[in-house]
PDB file of N, CA and C in Angstrom:
ATOM      1  N   MET A   1       2.981   5.373 -19.163  1.00  0.00           N
ATOM      2  CA  MET A   1       2.654   5.724 -17.801  1.00  0.00           C
ATOM      3  C   MET A   1       3.516   4.900 -16.846  1.00  0.00           C
ATOM      4  N   GLN A   2       4.088   5.587 -15.877  1.00  0.00           N
ATOM      5  CA  GLN A   2       4.907   4.921 -14.881  1.00  0.00           C
ATOM      6  C   GLN A   2       4.185   4.857 -13.547  1.00  0.00           C
ATOM      7  N   ILE A   3       4.484   3.805 -12.832  1.00  0.00           N
ATOM      8  CA  ILE A   3       3.935   3.652 -11.481  1.00  0.00           C
ATOM      9  C   ILE A   3       4.928   4.300 -10.524  1.00  0.00           C
ATOM     10  N   ALA A   4       4.437   5.074  -9.595  1.00  0.00           N
ATOM     11  CA  ALA A   4       5.304   5.753  -8.627  1.00  0.00           C
ATOM     12  C   ALA A   4       6.146   4.728  -7.869  1.00  0.00           C
ATOM     13  N   PRO A   5       7.426   5.027  -7.664  1.00  0.00           N
ATOM     14  CA  PRO A   5       8.302   4.083  -6.947  1.00  0.00           C
ATOM     15  C   PRO A   5       7.786   3.722  -5.557  1.00  0.00           C
ATOM     16  N   GLU A   6       7.107   4.670  -4.902  1.00  0.00           N
ATOM     17  CA  GLU A   6       6.570   4.396  -3.561  1.00  0.00           C
ATOM     18  C   GLU A   6       5.526   3.292  -3.590  1.00  0.00           C
ATOM     19  N   VAL A   7       4.745   3.254  -4.648  1.00  0.00           N
ATOM     20  CA  VAL A   7       3.713   2.220  -4.783  1.00  0.00           C
ATOM     21  C   VAL A   7       4.387   0.859  -4.977  1.00  0.00           C
ATOM     22  N   ILE A   8       5.408   0.823  -5.783  1.00  0.00           N
ATOM     23  CA  ILE A   8       6.142  -0.427  -6.008  1.00  0.00           C
ATOM     24  C   ILE A   8       6.788  -0.901  -4.705  1.00  0.00           C
ATOM     25  N   GLU A   9       7.352   0.036  -3.938  1.00  0.00           N
ATOM     26  CA  GLU A   9       7.946  -0.318  -2.642  1.00  0.00           C
ATOM     27  C   GLU A   9       6.906  -0.906  -1.695  1.00  0.00           C
ATOM     28  N   LEU A  10       5.713  -0.305  -1.660  1.00  0.00           N
ATOM     29  CA  LEU A  10       4.648  -0.836  -0.806  1.00  0.00           C
ATOM     30  C   LEU A  10       4.274  -2.258  -1.210  1.00  0.00           C
ATOM     31  N   GLU A  11       4.154  -2.472  -2.504  1.00  0.00           N
ATOM     32  CA  GLU A  11       3.797  -3.804  -2.994  1.00  0.00           C
ATOM     33  C   GLU A  11       4.862  -4.827  -2.626  1.00  0.00           C
ATOM     34  N   GLN A  12       6.117  -4.441  -2.746  1.00  0.00           N
ATOM     35  CA  GLN A  12       7.205  -5.351  -2.389  1.00  0.00           C
ATOM     36  C   GLN A  12       7.213  -5.648  -0.895  1.00  0.00           C
ATOM     37  N   LEU A  13       6.983  -4.620  -0.080  1.00  0.00           N
ATOM     38  CA  LEU A  13       6.915  -4.810   1.367  1.00  0.00           C
ATOM     39  C   LEU A  13       5.769  -5.742   1.733  1.00  0.00           C
ATOM     40  N   ALA A  14       4.606  -5.504   1.166  1.00  0.00           N
ATOM     41  CA  ALA A  14       3.447  -6.351   1.453  1.00  0.00           C
ATOM     42  C   ALA A  14       3.716  -7.795   1.043  1.00  0.00           C
ATOM     43  N   GLN A  15       4.339  -7.976  -0.097  1.00  0.00           N
ATOM     44  CA  GLN A  15       4.643  -9.332  -0.561  1.00  0.00           C
ATOM     45  C   GLN A  15       5.658 -10.006   0.368  1.00  0.00           C
ATOM     46  N   ARG A  16       6.700  -9.260   0.737  1.00  0.00           N
ATOM     47  CA  ARG A  16       7.727  -9.808   1.634  1.00  0.00           C
ATOM     48  C   ARG A  16       7.131 -10.221   2.976  1.00  0.00           C
ATOM     49  N   GLU A  17       6.191  -9.415   3.465  1.00  0.00           N
ATOM     50  CA  GLU A  17       5.583  -9.675   4.771  1.00  0.00           C
ATOM     51  C   GLU A  17       4.349 -10.579   4.681  1.00  0.00           C
ATOM     52  N   ALA A  18       3.998 -11.004   3.476  1.00  0.00           N
ATOM     53  CA  ALA A  18       2.841 -11.880   3.238  1.00  0.00           C
ATOM     54  C   ALA A  18       1.543 -11.234   3.732  1.00  0.00           C
ATOM     55  N   VAL A  19       1.404  -9.943   3.460  1.00  0.00           N
ATOM     56  CA  VAL A  19       0.207  -9.195   3.840  1.00  0.00           C
ATOM     57  C   VAL A  19      -0.539  -8.835   2.554  1.00  0.00           C
ATOM     58  N   PRO A  20      -1.786  -9.248   2.418  1.00  0.00           N
ATOM     59  CA  PRO A  20      -2.551  -8.867   1.232  1.00  0.00           C
ATOM     60  C   PRO A  20      -2.720  -7.344   1.152  1.00  0.00           C
ATOM     61  N   MET A  21      -2.467  -6.789  -0.012  1.00  0.00           N
ATOM     62  CA  MET A  21      -2.550  -5.339  -0.181  1.00  0.00           C
ATOM     63  C   MET A  21      -3.947  -4.820   0.154  1.00  0.00           C
ATOM     64  N   GLY A  22      -4.972  -5.561  -0.206  1.00  0.00           N
ATOM     65  CA  GLY A  22      -6.338  -5.132   0.101  1.00  0.00           C
ATOM     66  C   GLY A  22      -6.565  -4.985   1.592  1.00  0.00           C
ATOM     67  N   LEU A  23      -6.007  -5.889   2.360  1.00  0.00           N
ATOM     68  CA  LEU A  23      -6.139  -5.826   3.814  1.00  0.00           C
ATOM     69  C   LEU A  23      -5.377  -4.624   4.377  1.00  0.00           C
ATOM     70  N   ALA A  24      -4.192  -4.374   3.842  1.00  0.00           N
ATOM     71  CA  ALA A  24      -3.399  -3.219   4.282  1.00  0.00           C
ATOM     72  C   ALA A  24      -4.114  -1.911   3.946  1.00  0.00           C
ATOM     73  N   LEU A  25      -4.693  -1.845   2.756  1.00  0.00           N
ATOM     74  CA  LEU A  25      -5.425  -0.642   2.367  1.00  0.00           C
ATOM     75  C   LEU A  25      -6.602  -0.404   3.303  1.00  0.00           C
ATOM     76  N   LYS A  26      -7.330  -1.466   3.604  1.00  0.00           N
ATOM     77  CA  LYS A  26      -8.486  -1.346   4.488  1.00  0.00           C
ATOM     78  C   LYS A  26      -8.058  -0.871   5.872  1.00  0.00           C
ATOM     79  N   ARG A  27      -6.991  -1.455   6.399  1.00  0.00           N
ATOM     80  CA  ARG A  27      -6.478  -1.087   7.721  1.00  0.00           C
ATOM     81  C   ARG A  27      -6.042   0.387   7.747  1.00  0.00           C
ATOM     82  N   ALA A  28      -5.476   0.860   6.627  1.00  0.00           N
ATOM     83  CA  ALA A  28      -4.990   2.233   6.549  1.00  0.00           C
ATOM     84  C   ALA A  28      -6.096   3.228   6.206  1.00  0.00           C
ATOM     85  N   GLY A  29      -7.280   2.724   5.854  1.00  0.00           N
ATOM     86  CA  GLY A  29      -8.385   3.601   5.501  1.00  0.00           C
ATOM     87  C   GLY A  29      -8.260   4.208   4.111  1.00  0.00           C
ATOM     88  N   VAL A  30      -7.606   3.465   3.211  1.00  0.00           N
ATOM     89  CA  VAL A  30      -7.408   3.929   1.840  1.00  0.00           C
ATOM     90  C   VAL A  30      -8.299   3.109   0.914  1.00  0.00           C
ATOM     91  N   ALA A  31      -9.061   3.780   0.090  1.00  0.00           N
ATOM     92  CA  ALA A  31      -9.979   3.099  -0.823  1.00  0.00           C
ATOM     93  C   ALA A  31      -9.210   2.331  -1.890  1.00  0.00           C
ATOM     94  N   SER A  32      -9.737   1.182  -2.246  1.00  0.00           N
ATOM     95  CA  SER A  32      -9.105   0.381  -3.300  1.00  0.00           C
ATOM     96  C   SER A  32      -9.117   1.125  -4.633  1.00  0.00           C
ATOM     97  N   THR A  33     -10.098   2.009  -4.829  1.00  0.00           N
ATOM     98  CA  THR A  33     -10.123   2.801  -6.061  1.00  0.00           C
ATOM     99  C   THR A  33      -8.952   3.785  -6.113  1.00  0.00           C
ATOM    100  N   THR A  34      -8.555   4.285  -4.968  1.00  0.00           N
ATOM    101  CA  THR A  34      -7.386   5.170  -4.903  1.00  0.00           C
ATOM    102  C   THR A  34      -6.146   4.409  -5.319  1.00  0.00           C
ATOM    103  N   TYR A  35      -6.000   3.226  -4.765  1.00  0.00           N
ATOM    104  CA  TYR A  35      -4.857   2.379  -5.126  1.00  0.00           C
ATOM    105  C   TYR A  35      -4.895   2.060  -6.615  1.00  0.00           C
ATOM    106  N   TRP A  36      -6.046   1.781  -7.157  1.00  0.00           N
ATOM    107  CA  TRP A  36      -6.176   1.480  -8.582  1.00  0.00           C
ATOM    108  C   TRP A  36      -5.689   2.660  -9.420  1.00  0.00           C
ATOM    109  N   ARG A  37      -6.038   3.862  -8.999  1.00  0.00           N
ATOM    110  CA  ARG A  37      -5.595   5.057  -9.729  1.00  0.00           C
ATOM    111  C   ARG A  37      -4.078   5.184  -9.723  1.00  0.00           C
ATOM    112  N   TRP A  38      -3.454   4.815  -8.618  1.00  0.00           N
ATOM    113  CA  TRP A  38      -1.988   4.851  -8.560  1.00  0.00           C
ATOM    114  C   TRP A  38      -1.389   3.863  -9.552  1.00  0.00           C
ATOM    115  N   ARG A  39      -1.991   2.682  -9.630  1.00  0.00           N
ATOM    116  CA  ARG A  39      -1.452   1.615 -10.477  1.00  0.00           C
ATOM    117  C   ARG A  39      -1.773   1.798 -11.956  1.00  0.00           C
ATOM    118  N   HIS A  40      -2.945   2.318 -12.263  1.00  0.00           N
ATOM    119  CA  HIS A  40      -3.414   2.292 -13.653  1.00  0.00           C
ATOM    120  C   HIS A  40      -3.664   3.655 -14.292  1.00  0.00           C
ATOM    121  N   ALA A  41      -3.750   4.705 -13.504  1.00  0.00           N
ATOM    122  CA  ALA A  41      -4.054   6.010 -14.074  1.00  0.00           C
ATOM    123  C   ALA A  41      -2.916   7.009 -13.881  1.00  0.00           C
ATOM    124  N   GLY A  42      -1.794   6.535 -13.342  1.00  0.00           N
ATOM    125  CA  GLY A  42      -0.632   7.397 -13.202  1.00  0.00           C
ATOM    126  C   GLY A  42      -0.737   8.460 -12.131  1.00  0.00           C
ATOM    127  N   LYS A  43      -1.667   8.304 -11.199  1.00  0.00           N
ATOM    128  CA  LYS A  43      -1.810   9.286 -10.121  1.00  0.00           C
ATOM    129  C   LYS A  43      -0.704   9.079  -9.087  1.00  0.00           C
ATOM    130  N   GLU A  44      -0.257  10.172  -8.500  1.00  0.00           N
ATOM    131  CA  GLU A  44       0.793  10.135  -7.478  1.00  0.00           C
ATOM    132  C   GLU A  44       0.175  10.043  -6.082  1.00  0.00           C
ATOM    133  N   PRO A  45       0.658   9.134  -5.265  1.00  0.00           N
ATOM    134  CA  PRO A  45       0.142   9.039  -3.892  1.00  0.00           C
ATOM    135  C   PRO A  45       0.719  10.140  -3.011  1.00  0.00           C
ATOM    136  N   LEU A  46      -0.037  10.529  -2.006  1.00  0.00           N
ATOM    137  CA  LEU A  46       0.450  11.491  -1.027  1.00  0.00           C
ATOM    138  C   LEU A  46       1.385  10.783  -0.048  1.00  0.00           C
ATOM    139  N   THR A  47       2.383  11.490   0.415  1.00  0.00           N
ATOM    140  CA  THR A  47       3.369  10.919   1.331  1.00  0.00           C
ATOM    141  C   THR A  47       2.708  10.387   2.600  1.00  0.00           C
ATOM    142  N   GLY A  48       1.770  11.127   3.141  1.00  0.00           N
ATOM    143  CA  GLY A  48       1.083  10.683   4.358  1.00  0.00           C
ATOM    144  C   GLY A  48       0.297   9.405   4.145  1.00  0.00           C
ATOM    145  N   THR A  49      -0.272   9.246   2.981  1.00  0.00           N
ATOM    146  CA  THR A  49      -1.034   8.035   2.664  1.00  0.00           C
ATOM    147  C   THR A  49      -0.092   6.843   2.549  1.00  0.00           C
ATOM    148  N   ILE A  50       1.049   7.052   1.929  1.00  0.00           N
ATOM    149  CA  ILE A  50       2.051   5.983   1.822  1.00  0.00           C
ATOM    150  C   ILE A  50       2.481   5.552   3.222  1.00  0.00           C
ATOM    151  N   ARG A  51       2.701   6.520   4.110  1.00  0.00           N
ATOM    152  CA  ARG A  51       3.104   6.191   5.492  1.00  0.00           C
ATOM    153  C   ARG A  51       2.039   5.356   6.199  1.00  0.00           C
ATOM    154  N   LYS A  52       0.775   5.724   6.001  1.00  0.00           N
ATOM    155  CA  LYS A  52      -0.319   4.975   6.641  1.00  0.00           C
ATOM    156  C   LYS A  52      -0.348   3.527   6.160  1.00  0.00           C
ATOM    157  N   ILE A  53      -0.185   3.333   4.871  1.00  0.00           N
ATOM    158  CA  ILE A  53      -0.220   1.970   4.329  1.00  0.00           C
ATOM    159  C   ILE A  53       0.995   1.184   4.803  1.00  0.00           C
ATOM    160  N   ARG A  54       2.155   1.810   4.803  1.00  0.00           N
ATOM    161  CA  ARG A  54       3.370   1.132   5.286  1.00  0.00           C
ATOM    162  C   ARG A  54       3.200   0.700   6.745  1.00  0.00           C
ATOM    163  N   ALA A  55       2.648   1.584   7.562  1.00  0.00           N
ATOM    164  CA  ALA A  55       2.411   1.262   8.971  1.00  0.00           C
ATOM    165  C   ALA A  55       1.407   0.121   9.099  1.00  0.00           C
ATOM    166  N   ALA A  56       0.381   0.126   8.270  1.00  0.00           N
ATOM    167  CA  ALA A  56      -0.619  -0.949   8.314  1.00  0.00           C
ATOM    168  C   ALA A  56       0.005  -2.287   7.940  1.00  0.00           C
ATOM    169  N   ILE A  57       0.851  -2.296   6.932  1.00  0.00           N
ATOM    170  CA  ILE A  57       1.514  -3.540   6.529  1.00  0.00           C
ATOM    171  C   ILE A  57       2.371  -4.064   7.679  1.00  0.00           C
ATOM    172  N   THR A  58       3.136  -3.163   8.286  1.00  0.00           N
ATOM    173  CA  THR A  58       4.009  -3.560   9.395  1.00  0.00           C
ATOM    174  C   THR A  58       3.194  -4.100  10.563  1.00  0.00           C
ATOM    175  N   GLU A  59       2.117  -3.417  10.900  1.00  0.00           N
ATOM    176  CA  GLU A  59       1.257  -3.852  12.011  1.00  0.00           C
ATOM    177  C   GLU A  59       0.641  -5.224  11.728  1.00  0.00           C
ATOM    178  N   LEU A  60       0.129  -5.412  10.539  1.00  0.00           N
ATOM    179  CA  LEU A  60      -0.494  -6.691  10.181  1.00  0.00           C
ATOM    180  C   LEU A  60       0.536  -7.824  10.179  1.00  0.00           C
ATOM    181  N   ALA A  61       1.734  -7.531   9.717  1.00  0.00           N
ATOM    182  CA  ALA A  61       2.798  -8.551   9.691  1.00  0.00           C
ATOM    183  C   ALA A  61       3.191  -8.951  11.110  1.00  0.00           C
ATOM    184  N   GLU A  62       3.270  -7.954  12.000  1.00  0.00           N
ATOM    185  CA  GLU A  62       3.636  -8.233  13.403  1.00  0.00           C
ATOM    186  C   GLU A  62       2.567  -9.067  14.094  1.00  0.00           C
ATOM    187  N   ARG A  63       1.318  -8.787  13.801  1.00  0.00           N
ATOM    188  CA  ARG A  63       0.233  -9.558  14.411  1.00  0.00           C
ATOM    189  C   ARG A  63       0.214 -11.001  13.927  1.00  0.00           C
ATOM    190  N   ALA A  64       0.638 -11.204  12.680  1.00  0.00           N
ATOM    191  CA  ALA A  64       0.640 -12.550  12.112  1.00  0.00           C
ATOM    192  C   ALA A  64       1.825 -13.377  12.616  1.00  0.00           C
ATOM    193  N   ALA A  65       2.838 -12.698  13.103  1.00  0.00           N
ATOM    194  CA  ALA A  65       4.061 -13.416  13.533  1.00  0.00           C
ATOM    195  C   ALA A  65       3.891 -14.101  14.857  1.00  0.00           C
TER     196      ALA A  65
END
């Protein structure tokens, strides 16, 4: 089972910006169980959901700066 490249990109962005993934998921309104399915069950994320999480990471990073 492979993890979708978009999920890996999100994780790298969150790590680079020092934003906890759980906090980004909460801000984006994405359930942690959904994220778990992406990581462990091979489910593909929707493009719109990826955008929401990316925006949440960026927003949280800007607020912390």
